[in-house]
Amino acid sequence: MNQFVARANIDHYLGLLDGGLLPQNRSTITKLLIAEEDKLSHDLEQLEFAENRAANGRRRLNHVRTLLDSFALDTPEREQAGRLLVNLENLQTLLEDFCHRLRAQITSRGA
């Protein structure tokens, strides 16, 4: 049951981080996300969960990069897409770090 709640919270926090948050709120949500990630047991099932989230994040990043390139320079739309891209890149770093931590823990246990 705890893993279900942690996964639901992770998805919720990822959704919040995907939107436009104030920097102090982003920092708080990021800390909550990391705390939930740490609650998951470190087995292959959780690694698959993390890798799926990271793959979804890479797809979102590619989509926003394409969107950014479609806007003319010096337009509000391009500026907004640029801010979104930076947020998504930061979020992707968190997701990739989560995958690396899980892989390292699983490997060190010999699972």
Protein backbone atom coordinates (compact mmCIF):
# COMPACT_ATOMS: atom_id res chain seq x y z
CA MET A 1 0.00 0.00 0.00
CA ASN A 2 2.84 2.41 0.86
CA GLN A 3 4.37 1.91 -2.59
CA PHE A 4 1.03 2.75 -4.23
CA VAL A 5 0.79 5.99 -2.24
CA ALA A 6 4.42 6.89 -2.98
CA ARG A 7 3.89 6.29 -6.70
CA ALA A 8 0.69 8.35 -6.70
CA ASN A 9 2.47 11.16 -4.87
CA ILE A 10 5.39 11.03 -7.32
CA ASP A 11 3.01 11.33 -10.27
CA HIS A 12 1.20 14.19 -8.51
CA TYR A 13 4.43 16.07 -7.80
CA LEU A 14 5.66 15.53 -11.34
CA GLY A 15 2.41 17.05 -12.59
CA LEU A 16 2.87 20.07 -10.34
CA LEU A 17 6.49 20.52 -11.41
CA ASP A 18 5.41 20.30 -15.04
CA GLY A 19 3.38 23.48 -14.58
CA GLY A 20 4.37 27.03 -13.77
CA LEU A 21 5.35 27.28 -10.11
CA LEU A 22 7.00 30.06 -8.18
CA PRO A 23 10.64 29.24 -7.37
CA GLN A 24 10.00 28.70 -3.64
CA ASN A 25 7.08 26.36 -4.41
CA ARG A 26 9.16 24.50 -7.01
CA SER A 27 11.86 23.94 -4.39
CA THR A 28 9.36 22.58 -1.86
CA ILE A 29 7.68 20.28 -4.38
CA THR A 30 11.09 19.04 -5.55
CA LYS A 31 12.02 18.13 -1.96
CA LEU A 32 8.71 16.31 -1.55
CA LEU A 33 9.27 14.44 -4.81
CA ILE A 34 12.72 13.25 -3.71
CA ALA A 35 11.35 12.17 -0.33
CA GLU A 36 8.65 10.09 -2.03
CA GLU A 37 11.18 8.54 -4.40
CA ASP A 38 13.26 7.50 -1.39
CA LYS A 39 10.26 5.72 0.14
CA LEU A 40 10.05 3.23 -2.69
CA SER A 41 11.71 -0.09 -2.16
CA HIS A 42 14.67 -0.45 -4.44
CA ASP A 43 13.81 -3.38 -6.67
CA LEU A 44 13.37 -4.00 -10.39
CA GLU A 45 9.66 -3.13 -10.31
CA GLN A 46 10.41 0.32 -8.88
CA LEU A 47 13.22 0.79 -11.39
CA GLU A 48 10.77 0.07 -14.21
CA PHE A 49 8.38 2.67 -12.72
CA ALA A 50 11.20 5.24 -12.57
CA GLU A 51 12.43 4.47 -16.08
CA ASN A 52 8.91 4.87 -17.47
CA ARG A 53 8.64 8.30 -15.87
CA ALA A 54 12.06 9.27 -17.23
CA ALA A 55 11.12 8.09 -20.74
CA ASN A 56 7.91 10.14 -20.59
CA GLY A 57 9.99 13.13 -19.49
CA ARG A 58 12.34 12.73 -22.45
CA ARG A 59 9.34 12.70 -24.81
CA ARG A 60 7.99 15.89 -23.19
CA LEU A 61 11.40 17.54 -23.52
CA ASN A 62 11.63 16.68 -27.21
CA HIS A 63 8.12 18.01 -27.78
CA VAL A 64 8.87 21.33 -26.06
CA ARG A 65 12.17 21.68 -27.94
CA THR A 66 10.27 21.26 -31.21
CA LEU A 67 7.64 23.73 -30.02
CA LEU A 68 10.32 26.24 -29.04
CA ASP A 69 11.89 26.01 -32.48
CA SER A 70 8.53 26.70 -34.10
CA PHE A 71 8.19 30.15 -32.51
CA ALA A 72 9.78 33.24 -33.98
CA LEU A 73 12.66 34.82 -32.10
CA ASP A 74 11.86 37.51 -29.54
CA THR A 75 8.19 36.56 -29.15
CA PRO A 76 6.38 36.02 -25.86
CA GLU A 77 5.49 32.49 -26.98
CA ARG A 78 9.12 31.57 -27.52
CA GLU A 79 10.09 33.09 -24.17
CA GLN A 80 7.37 31.11 -22.39
CA ALA A 81 8.38 27.90 -24.19
CA GLY A 82 11.98 28.60 -23.19
CA ARG A 83 11.03 28.88 -19.52
CA LEU A 84 9.03 25.66 -19.78
CA LEU A 85 11.99 23.94 -21.39
CA VAL A 86 14.30 24.95 -18.53
CA ASN A 87 11.77 23.65 -15.98
CA LEU A 88 11.40 20.37 -17.84
CA GLU A 89 15.17 19.96 -18.15
CA ASN A 90 15.50 20.41 -14.38
CA LEU A 91 12.70 17.92 -13.78
CA GLN A 92 14.30 15.46 -16.20
CA THR A 93 17.54 15.68 -14.24
CA LEU A 94 15.64 14.65 -11.11
CA LEU A 95 14.02 11.74 -12.92
CA GLU A 96 17.31 10.53 -14.38
CA ASP A 97 19.01 10.84 -10.98
CA PHE A 98 16.23 8.74 -9.44
CA CYS A 99 16.82 6.02 -12.06
CA HIS A 100 20.58 6.10 -11.46
CA ARG A 101 20.13 5.80 -7.69
CA LEU A 102 17.79 2.84 -8.07
CA ARG A 103 20.08 1.10 -10.58
CA ALA A 104 23.07 1.56 -8.30
CA GLN A 105 21.22 0.18 -5.27
CA ILE A 106 19.89 -2.80 -7.19
CA THR A 107 23.32 -3.52 -8.68
CA SER A 108 25.05 -3.27 -5.32
CA ARG A 109 22.60 -5.82 -3.89
CA GLY A 110 23.13 -8.14 -6.85
CA ALA A 111 19.38 -8.24 -7.68
